Amino acid sequence: MTGLGAVAALLTSLSYIPQVIKAWPRNSTHDVSLKMLLALTLGLTLWIVYGVLKNDWVLTSANGVGVLLAGAVLLFKLRDKFSHSEPSRGD
């Protein structure tokens, strides 16, 4: 079962890479919700805590990768939001 979890974790963790690549250029995050990124990053962080408490390295490491990648998109969103060159959409 750990192998199945590791494959699932790898696939879901790596699924964030295209979004990071898309968000990397300045002013490229206008179509990404700040609220969604905050909720996602917090949720992944809580999964890490849960994984640590359960001593589950697959859960912890997969969500660690997810936090790094989703957190990068969040930082790009904040960068663009506070650069005052992104049109405001109310979120």
N, C-alpha and C. Protein backbone atom coordinates (compact mmCIF):
# COMPACT_ATOMS: atom_id res chain seq x y z
N MET A 1 0.81 -1.20 0.00
CA MET A 1 0.00 0.00 0.00
C MET A 1 0.85 1.27 0.00
N THR A 2 2.02 1.24 0.63
CA THR A 2 2.87 2.42 0.65
C THR A 2 3.31 2.81 -0.76
N GLY A 3 3.55 1.81 -1.61
CA GLY A 3 3.93 2.09 -3.00
C GLY A 3 2.83 2.81 -3.75
N LEU A 4 1.60 2.38 -3.55
CA LEU A 4 0.46 3.03 -4.18
C LEU A 4 0.35 4.47 -3.69
N GLY A 5 0.50 4.67 -2.40
CA GLY A 5 0.46 6.02 -1.84
C GLY A 5 1.58 6.88 -2.36
N ALA A 6 2.76 6.31 -2.54
CA ALA A 6 3.90 7.07 -3.05
C ALA A 6 3.66 7.50 -4.49
N VAL A 7 3.10 6.63 -5.32
CA VAL A 7 2.80 6.99 -6.72
C VAL A 7 1.73 8.08 -6.75
N ALA A 8 0.68 7.93 -5.96
CA ALA A 8 -0.37 8.95 -5.89
C ALA A 8 0.20 10.28 -5.41
N ALA A 9 1.06 10.23 -4.41
CA ALA A 9 1.67 11.45 -3.88
C ALA A 9 2.56 12.12 -4.92
N LEU A 10 3.33 11.32 -5.63
CA LEU A 10 4.20 11.87 -6.67
C LEU A 10 3.38 12.58 -7.75
N LEU A 11 2.34 11.93 -8.21
CA LEU A 11 1.52 12.52 -9.28
C LEU A 11 0.82 13.79 -8.82
N THR A 12 0.22 13.77 -7.64
CA THR A 12 -0.49 14.97 -7.18
C THR A 12 0.47 16.09 -6.84
N SER A 13 1.62 15.76 -6.28
CA SER A 13 2.60 16.80 -5.95
C SER A 13 3.15 17.46 -7.20
N LEU A 14 3.48 16.67 -8.19
CA LEU A 14 4.06 17.21 -9.42
C LEU A 14 3.04 17.93 -10.28
N SER A 15 1.75 17.74 -10.00
CA SER A 15 0.73 18.42 -10.79
C SER A 15 0.77 19.93 -10.63
N TYR A 16 1.44 20.43 -9.60
CA TYR A 16 1.55 21.87 -9.38
C TYR A 16 2.60 22.52 -10.28
N ILE A 17 3.49 21.75 -10.83
CA ILE A 17 4.61 22.31 -11.60
C ILE A 17 4.13 23.18 -12.77
N PRO A 18 3.15 22.75 -13.58
CA PRO A 18 2.72 23.63 -14.67
C PRO A 18 2.19 24.98 -14.18
N GLN A 19 1.53 25.01 -13.03
CA GLN A 19 1.02 26.27 -12.50
C GLN A 19 2.16 27.17 -12.05
N VAL A 20 3.20 26.58 -11.45
CA VAL A 20 4.37 27.36 -11.04
C VAL A 20 5.03 27.98 -12.28
N ILE A 21 5.19 27.18 -13.32
CA ILE A 21 5.82 27.67 -14.56
C ILE A 21 4.98 28.79 -15.16
N LYS A 22 3.66 28.63 -15.15
CA LYS A 22 2.78 29.66 -15.70
C LYS A 22 2.82 30.95 -14.87
N ALA A 23 2.95 30.82 -13.55
CA ALA A 23 2.90 31.98 -12.65
C ALA A 23 4.24 32.69 -12.53
N TRP A 24 5.31 32.06 -12.97
CA TRP A 24 6.66 32.62 -12.78
C TRP A 24 6.81 34.01 -13.40
N PRO A 25 6.43 34.22 -14.66
CA PRO A 25 6.61 35.57 -15.23
C PRO A 25 5.78 36.60 -14.47
N ARG A 26 6.29 37.80 -14.39
CA ARG A 26 5.57 38.87 -13.69
C ARG A 26 4.22 39.12 -14.35
N ASN A 27 3.24 39.49 -13.52
CA ASN A 27 1.90 39.85 -13.97
C ASN A 27 1.18 38.70 -14.67
N SER A 28 1.45 37.49 -14.26
CA SER A 28 0.86 36.33 -14.92
C SER A 28 -0.13 35.58 -14.05
N THR A 29 -0.48 36.13 -12.90
CA THR A 29 -1.34 35.41 -11.96
C THR A 29 -2.73 36.01 -11.84
N HIS A 30 -3.12 36.86 -12.76
CA HIS A 30 -4.41 37.54 -12.65
C HIS A 30 -5.59 36.57 -12.64
N ASP A 31 -5.45 35.40 -13.23
CA ASP A 31 -6.55 34.44 -13.27
C ASP A 31 -6.49 33.40 -12.15
N VAL A 32 -5.62 33.61 -11.16
CA VAL A 32 -5.49 32.69 -10.04
C VAL A 32 -6.07 33.36 -8.80
N SER A 33 -6.93 32.65 -8.08
CA SER A 33 -7.58 33.19 -6.90
C SER A 33 -6.64 33.19 -5.70
N LEU A 34 -6.47 34.34 -5.09
CA LEU A 34 -5.66 34.46 -3.88
C LEU A 34 -6.28 33.65 -2.74
N LYS A 35 -7.59 33.71 -2.60
CA LYS A 35 -8.26 32.96 -1.53
C LYS A 35 -8.06 31.46 -1.70
N MET A 36 -8.13 30.97 -2.93
CA MET A 36 -7.91 29.55 -3.17
C MET A 36 -6.48 29.16 -2.81
N LEU A 37 -5.52 29.98 -3.19
CA LEU A 37 -4.12 29.67 -2.89
C LEU A 37 -3.86 29.68 -1.39
N LEU A 38 -4.45 30.62 -0.68
CA LEU A 38 -4.30 30.66 0.78
C LEU A 38 -4.90 29.40 1.42
N ALA A 39 -6.11 29.03 0.99
CA ALA A 39 -6.76 27.85 1.53
C ALA A 39 -5.98 26.58 1.19
N LEU A 40 -5.50 26.48 -0.04
CA LEU A 40 -4.74 25.30 -0.47
C LEU A 40 -3.44 25.17 0.32
N THR A 41 -2.71 26.26 0.46
CA THR A 41 -1.43 26.22 1.16
C THR A 41 -1.63 25.89 2.64
N LEU A 42 -2.66 26.47 3.24
CA LEU A 42 -2.97 26.15 4.64
C LEU A 42 -3.39 24.69 4.78
N GLY A 43 -4.24 24.22 3.88
CA GLY A 43 -4.68 22.82 3.92
C GLY A 43 -3.52 21.85 3.78
N LEU A 44 -2.61 22.12 2.85
CA LEU A 44 -1.45 21.27 2.67
C LEU A 44 -0.55 21.29 3.90
N THR A 45 -0.42 22.46 4.52
CA THR A 45 0.37 22.56 5.74
C THR A 45 -0.24 21.72 6.86
N LEU A 46 -1.55 21.75 6.97
CA LEU A 46 -2.22 20.93 7.98
C LEU A 46 -2.05 19.44 7.69
N TRP A 47 -2.03 19.05 6.41
CA TRP A 47 -1.77 17.65 6.07
C TRP A 47 -0.36 17.24 6.48
N ILE A 48 0.58 18.17 6.37
CA ILE A 48 1.96 17.88 6.82
C ILE A 48 1.95 17.60 8.33
N VAL A 49 1.29 18.45 9.08
CA VAL A 49 1.20 18.26 10.53
C VAL A 49 0.56 16.90 10.83
N TYR A 50 -0.52 16.59 10.15
CA TYR A 50 -1.18 15.31 10.34
C TYR A 50 -0.25 14.15 10.00
N GLY A 51 0.47 14.27 8.89
CA GLY A 51 1.41 13.22 8.49
C GLY A 51 2.52 13.01 9.51
N VAL A 52 3.01 14.11 10.08
CA VAL A 52 4.03 14.01 11.12
C VAL A 52 3.46 13.30 12.35
N LEU A 53 2.25 13.70 12.75
CA LEU A 53 1.63 13.09 13.93
C LEU A 53 1.36 11.60 13.71
N LYS A 54 1.06 11.20 12.49
CA LYS A 54 0.79 9.80 12.17
C LYS A 54 2.07 9.05 11.78
N ASN A 55 3.19 9.77 11.75
CA ASN A 55 4.47 9.19 11.35
C ASN A 55 4.38 8.56 9.95
N ASP A 56 3.75 9.29 9.04
CA ASP A 56 3.53 8.83 7.67
C ASP A 56 4.39 9.68 6.73
N TRP A 57 5.53 9.10 6.30
CA TRP A 57 6.47 9.86 5.48
C TRP A 57 5.90 10.17 4.10
N VAL A 58 5.05 9.31 3.55
CA VAL A 58 4.47 9.58 2.23
C VAL A 58 3.56 10.80 2.31
N LEU A 59 2.69 10.82 3.28
CA LEU A 59 1.77 11.94 3.47
C LEU A 59 2.54 13.23 3.73
N THR A 60 3.53 13.15 4.59
CA THR A 60 4.31 14.33 4.95
C THR A 60 5.12 14.85 3.76
N SER A 61 5.82 13.99 3.08
CA SER A 61 6.68 14.45 1.98
C SER A 61 5.87 14.93 0.79
N ALA A 62 4.80 14.24 0.45
CA ALA A 62 3.97 14.66 -0.68
C ALA A 62 3.39 16.04 -0.44
N ASN A 63 2.87 16.26 0.75
CA ASN A 63 2.30 17.56 1.05
C ASN A 63 3.38 18.62 1.24
N GLY A 64 4.58 18.20 1.63
CA GLY A 64 5.70 19.14 1.69
C GLY A 64 6.04 19.69 0.31
N VAL A 65 6.08 18.79 -0.67
CA VAL A 65 6.32 19.23 -2.05
C VAL A 65 5.17 20.13 -2.50
N GLY A 66 3.96 19.74 -2.17
CA GLY A 66 2.79 20.54 -2.53
C GLY A 66 2.84 21.93 -1.93
N VAL A 67 3.24 22.03 -0.67
CA VAL A 67 3.35 23.35 -0.02
C VAL A 67 4.41 24.20 -0.71
N LEU A 68 5.53 23.59 -1.05
CA LEU A 68 6.58 24.36 -1.73
C LEU A 68 6.09 24.90 -3.08
N LEU A 69 5.42 24.06 -3.85
CA LEU A 69 4.99 24.49 -5.17
C LEU A 69 3.78 25.43 -5.10
N ALA A 70 2.77 25.09 -4.29
CA ALA A 70 1.61 25.97 -4.14
C ALA A 70 2.03 27.28 -3.46
N GLY A 71 2.96 27.18 -2.52
CA GLY A 71 3.48 28.38 -1.87
C GLY A 71 4.21 29.29 -2.84
N ALA A 72 4.90 28.69 -3.80
CA ALA A 72 5.57 29.50 -4.83
C ALA A 72 4.54 30.27 -5.65
N VAL A 73 3.47 29.60 -6.04
CA VAL A 73 2.41 30.29 -6.80
C VAL A 73 1.79 31.38 -5.94
N LEU A 74 1.59 31.11 -4.66
CA LEU A 74 1.05 32.11 -3.74
C LEU A 74 1.97 33.32 -3.66
N LEU A 75 3.27 33.08 -3.55
CA LEU A 75 4.22 34.20 -3.52
C LEU A 75 4.20 34.99 -4.82
N PHE A 76 4.09 34.29 -5.96
CA PHE A 76 3.99 34.99 -7.24
C PHE A 76 2.71 35.83 -7.30
N LYS A 77 1.63 35.29 -6.79
CA LYS A 77 0.35 36.03 -6.76
C LYS A 77 0.49 37.28 -5.90
N LEU A 78 1.10 37.14 -4.72
CA LEU A 78 1.30 38.31 -3.85
C LEU A 78 2.24 39.31 -4.49
N ARG A 79 3.29 38.82 -5.15
CA ARG A 79 4.21 39.71 -5.87
C ARG A 79 3.45 40.54 -6.90
N ASP A 80 2.61 39.87 -7.67
CA ASP A 80 1.87 40.56 -8.72
C ASP A 80 0.80 41.48 -8.14
N LYS A 81 0.16 41.05 -7.06
CA LYS A 81 -0.89 41.86 -6.44
C LYS A 81 -0.33 43.17 -5.88
N PHE A 82 0.83 43.09 -5.27
CA PHE A 82 1.40 44.28 -4.64
C PHE A 82 2.32 45.08 -5.55
N SER A 83 2.49 44.62 -6.78
CA SER A 83 3.28 45.41 -7.73
C SER A 83 2.41 46.47 -8.38
N HIS A 84 1.10 46.45 -8.09
CA HIS A 84 0.13 47.43 -8.58
C HIS A 84 -0.01 47.44 -10.09
N SER A 85 0.48 46.41 -10.75
CA SER A 85 0.30 46.36 -12.19
C SER A 85 -0.71 45.31 -12.60
N GLU A 86 -1.23 44.56 -11.62
CA GLU A 86 -2.25 43.56 -11.90
C GLU A 86 -3.61 44.19 -11.68
N PRO A 87 -4.54 44.02 -12.62
CA PRO A 87 -5.88 44.55 -12.41
C PRO A 87 -6.54 43.87 -11.22
N SER A 88 -7.21 44.65 -10.39
CA SER A 88 -7.88 44.10 -9.20
C SER A 88 -9.16 43.39 -9.60
N ARG A 89 -9.36 42.18 -9.03
CA ARG A 89 -10.58 41.42 -9.29
C ARG A 89 -11.36 41.21 -8.01
N GLY A 90 -11.01 41.91 -6.98
CA GLY A 90 -11.77 41.83 -5.75
C GLY A 90 -11.42 40.66 -4.84
N ASP A 91 -10.36 39.91 -5.13
CA ASP A 91 -9.98 38.83 -4.21
C ASP A 91 -8.59 39.01 -3.82
